C-alpha atoms as a PDB file:
ATOM      1  CA  MET A   1    -112.618 -88.636 -56.733  1.00  0.00           C
ATOM      2  CA  PRO A   2    -110.160 -85.948 -57.454  1.00  0.00           C
ATOM      3  CA  VAL A   3    -110.077 -83.203 -54.752  1.00  0.00           C
ATOM      4  CA  ASP A   4    -108.117 -79.822 -56.030  1.00  0.00           C
ATOM      5  CA  LEU A   5    -105.818 -78.996 -53.154  1.00  0.00           C
ATOM      6  CA  ALA A   6    -105.757 -75.212 -54.068  1.00  0.00           C
ATOM      7  CA  SER A   7    -109.262 -74.968 -52.972  1.00  0.00           C
ATOM      8  CA  PRO A   8    -110.252 -73.696 -49.639  1.00  0.00           C
ATOM      9  CA  ALA A   9    -110.215 -76.319 -46.680  1.00  0.00           C
ATOM     10  CA  SER A  10    -113.874 -75.901 -46.437  1.00  0.00           C
ATOM     11  CA  ARG A  11    -114.446 -76.773 -50.110  1.00  0.00           C
ATOM     12  CA  GLN A  12    -112.242 -80.071 -49.547  1.00  0.00           C
ATOM     13  CA  ARG A  13    -113.987 -81.213 -46.635  1.00  0.00           C
ATOM     14  CA  LEU A  14    -117.315 -80.586 -48.081  1.00  0.00           C
ATOM     15  CA  LEU A  15    -116.506 -82.749 -51.109  1.00  0.00           C
ATOM     16  CA  LEU A  16    -114.770 -85.369 -48.977  1.00  0.00           C
ATOM     17  CA  GLU A  17    -117.943 -85.478 -46.985  1.00  0.00           C
ATOM     18  CA  ARG A  18    -120.447 -85.499 -49.763  1.00  0.00           C
ATOM     19  CA  GLY A  19    -118.319 -88.048 -51.526  1.00  0.00           C
ATOM     20  CA  LEU A  20    -118.566 -90.300 -48.908  1.00  0.00           C
ATOM     21  CA  VAL A  21    -114.743 -90.715 -48.801  1.00  0.00           C
ATOM     22  CA  ARG A  22    -113.042 -92.865 -46.299  1.00  0.00           C
ATOM     23  CA  ALA A  23    -109.701 -93.045 -47.611  1.00  0.00           C
ATOM     24  CA  ALA A  24    -107.466 -90.854 -49.501  1.00  0.00           C
ATOM     25  CA  VAL A  25    -104.386 -91.432 -51.655  1.00  0.00           C
ATOM     26  CA  THR A  26    -102.177 -88.244 -51.318  1.00  0.00           C
ATOM     27  CA  SER A  27     -98.462 -86.888 -51.169  1.00  0.00           C
ATOM     28  CA  ALA A  28     -96.710 -86.581 -48.055  1.00  0.00           C
ATOM     29  CA  GLY A  29     -96.782 -83.011 -46.760  1.00  0.00           C
ATOM     30  CA  THR A  30    -100.314 -82.571 -48.002  1.00  0.00           C
ATOM     31  CA  ASP A  31    -102.279 -80.503 -45.338  1.00  0.00           C
ATOM     32  CA  VAL A  32    -105.066 -82.687 -44.317  1.00  0.00           C
ATOM     33  CA  ALA A  33    -105.880 -80.381 -41.133  1.00  0.00           C
ATOM     34  CA  GLY A  34    -109.387 -79.643 -42.246  1.00  0.00           C
ATOM     35  CA  TRP A  35    -110.282 -83.061 -43.695  1.00  0.00           C
ATOM     36  CA  PRO A  36    -113.133 -85.176 -41.832  1.00  0.00           C
ATOM     37  CA  GLU A  37    -111.315 -87.333 -39.057  1.00  0.00           C
ATOM     38  CA  ASP A  38    -112.731 -90.670 -40.466  1.00  0.00           C
ATOM     39  CA  VAL A  39    -110.957 -90.156 -43.733  1.00  0.00           C
ATOM     40  CA  GLN A  40    -107.540 -92.312 -43.872  1.00  0.00           C
ATOM     41  CA  THR A  41    -104.686 -90.900 -45.367  1.00  0.00           C
ATOM     42  CA  ILE A  42    -102.550 -93.033 -47.570  1.00  0.00           C
ATOM     43  CA  ILE A  43     -99.205 -91.384 -48.428  1.00  0.00           C
ATOM     44  CA  VAL A  44     -98.330 -92.431 -52.321  1.00  0.00           C
ATOM     45  CA  GLU A  45     -94.684 -92.375 -51.559  1.00  0.00           C
ATOM     46  CA  ALA A  46     -95.296 -95.333 -49.130  1.00  0.00           C
ATOM     47  CA  MET A  47     -97.286 -97.518 -51.534  1.00  0.00           C
ATOM     48  CA  VAL A  48     -96.092-100.677 -52.877  1.00  0.00           C
ATOM     49  CA  THR A  49     -94.225 -99.868 -56.219  1.00  0.00           C
ATOM     50  CA  GLY A  50     -92.967-103.507 -56.758  1.00  0.00           C
ATOM     51  CA  PRO A  51     -92.823-107.180 -55.359  1.00  0.00           C
ATOM     52  CA  GLY A  52     -90.063-106.384 -53.551  1.00  0.00           C
ATOM     53  CA  ASP A  53     -91.351-103.683 -51.405  1.00  0.00           C
ATOM     54  CA  ALA A  54     -94.576-105.393 -50.126  1.00  0.00           C
ATOM     55  CA  ALA A  55     -93.245-106.185 -46.697  1.00  0.00           C
ATOM     56  CA  ALA A  56     -91.889-102.801 -46.084  1.00  0.00           C
ATOM     57  CA  ALA A  57     -94.801-100.737 -47.085  1.00  0.00           C
ATOM     58  CA  PRO A  58     -97.886-100.278 -44.801  1.00  0.00           C
ATOM     59  CA  HIS A  59    -100.273-100.109 -47.359  1.00  0.00           C
ATOM     60  CA  SER A  60    -100.940-101.898 -50.393  1.00  0.00           C
ATOM     61  CA  LEU A  61    -103.768-101.569 -53.167  1.00  0.00           C
ATOM     62  CA  PRO A  62    -106.918-104.017 -53.222  1.00  0.00           C
ATOM     63  CA  ALA A  63    -107.751-106.105 -55.944  1.00  0.00           C
ATOM     64  CA  GLY A  64    -109.957-104.095 -58.503  1.00  0.00           C
ATOM     65  CA  PRO A  65    -113.499-105.021 -58.894  1.00  0.00           C
ATOM     66  CA  GLN A  66    -114.297-107.912 -61.319  1.00  0.00           C
ATOM     67  CA  ASP A  67    -117.785-106.514 -62.519  1.00  0.00           C
ATOM     68  CA  PRO A  68    -117.586-104.159 -65.498  1.00  0.00           C
ATOM     69  CA  HIS A  69    -120.611-102.270 -63.927  1.00  0.00           C
ATOM     70  CA  ALA A  70    -118.765-101.615 -60.656  1.00  0.00           C
ATOM     71  CA  LEU A  71    -118.244 -98.098 -59.742  1.00  0.00           C
ATOM     72  CA  ALA A  72    -114.907 -96.631 -61.074  1.00  0.00           C
ATOM     73  CA  TYR A  73    -114.844 -92.883 -60.886  1.00  0.00           C
ATOM     74  CA  VAL A  74    -116.977 -90.159 -58.620  1.00  0.00           C
ATOM     75  CA  LEU A  75    -116.604 -86.598 -60.035  1.00  0.00           C
ATOM     76  CA  LEU A  76    -118.203 -83.765 -58.048  1.00  0.00           C
ATOM     77  CA  THR A  77    -119.539 -80.698 -59.943  1.00  0.00           C
ATOM     78  CA  SER A  78    -120.952 -77.528 -58.816  1.00  0.00           C
ATOM     79  CA  GLY A  79    -122.741 -76.292 -62.491  1.00  0.00           C
ATOM     80  CA  SER A  80    -124.356 -73.123 -62.189  1.00  0.00           C
ATOM     81  CA  THR A  81    -125.629 -73.616 -58.585  1.00  0.00           C
ATOM     82  CA  GLY A  82    -122.384 -73.831 -56.890  1.00  0.00           C
ATOM     83  CA  GLU A  83    -123.680 -76.859 -54.769  1.00  0.00           C
ATOM     84  CA  ALA A  84    -121.323 -79.871 -55.204  1.00  0.00           C
ATOM     85  CA  ARG A  85    -123.430 -82.792 -57.094  1.00  0.00           C
ATOM     86  CA  MET A  86    -121.856 -86.068 -57.683  1.00  0.00           C
ATOM     87  CA  SER A  87    -121.526 -88.071 -60.948  1.00  0.00           C
ATOM     88  CA  TRP A  88    -121.206 -91.655 -60.681  1.00  0.00           C
ATOM     89  CA  TRP A  89    -119.348 -93.522 -63.649  1.00  0.00           C
ATOM     90  CA  PRO A  90    -119.090 -97.230 -63.831  1.00  0.00           C
ATOM     91  CA  MET A  91    -116.119 -98.990 -65.159  1.00  0.00           C
ATOM     92  CA  THR A  92    -117.638 -99.573 -68.663  1.00  0.00           C
ATOM     93  CA  ALA A  93    -117.951 -95.817 -69.421  1.00  0.00           C
ATOM     94  CA  CYS A  94    -114.491 -95.148 -67.962  1.00  0.00           C
ATOM     95  CA  SER A  95    -113.245 -97.868 -70.529  1.00  0.00           C
ATOM     96  CA  THR A  96    -114.391 -95.941 -73.420  1.00  0.00           C
ATOM     97  CA  THR A  97    -113.285 -92.459 -72.742  1.00  0.00           C
END
């Protein structure tokens, strides 16, 4: 789920909480002080970039889902109300856009 880091910290926190985010991939130096404490941050620069880097990297990506109807993307939009609402997209919908 994308979170605009230019938005206020309170908005970022709201989106992360409503989106039930448990892990976030972000860049080194990102200010996460206002984020919920239970959100694990994974620094993209520290992720596995190739087979030889696997032992040195603290995080690696899990295998993707095999079910084409599995959740692939979550988008929060405020529409005309200003309240964040979730839109869930399965793998099949993302593969056709």
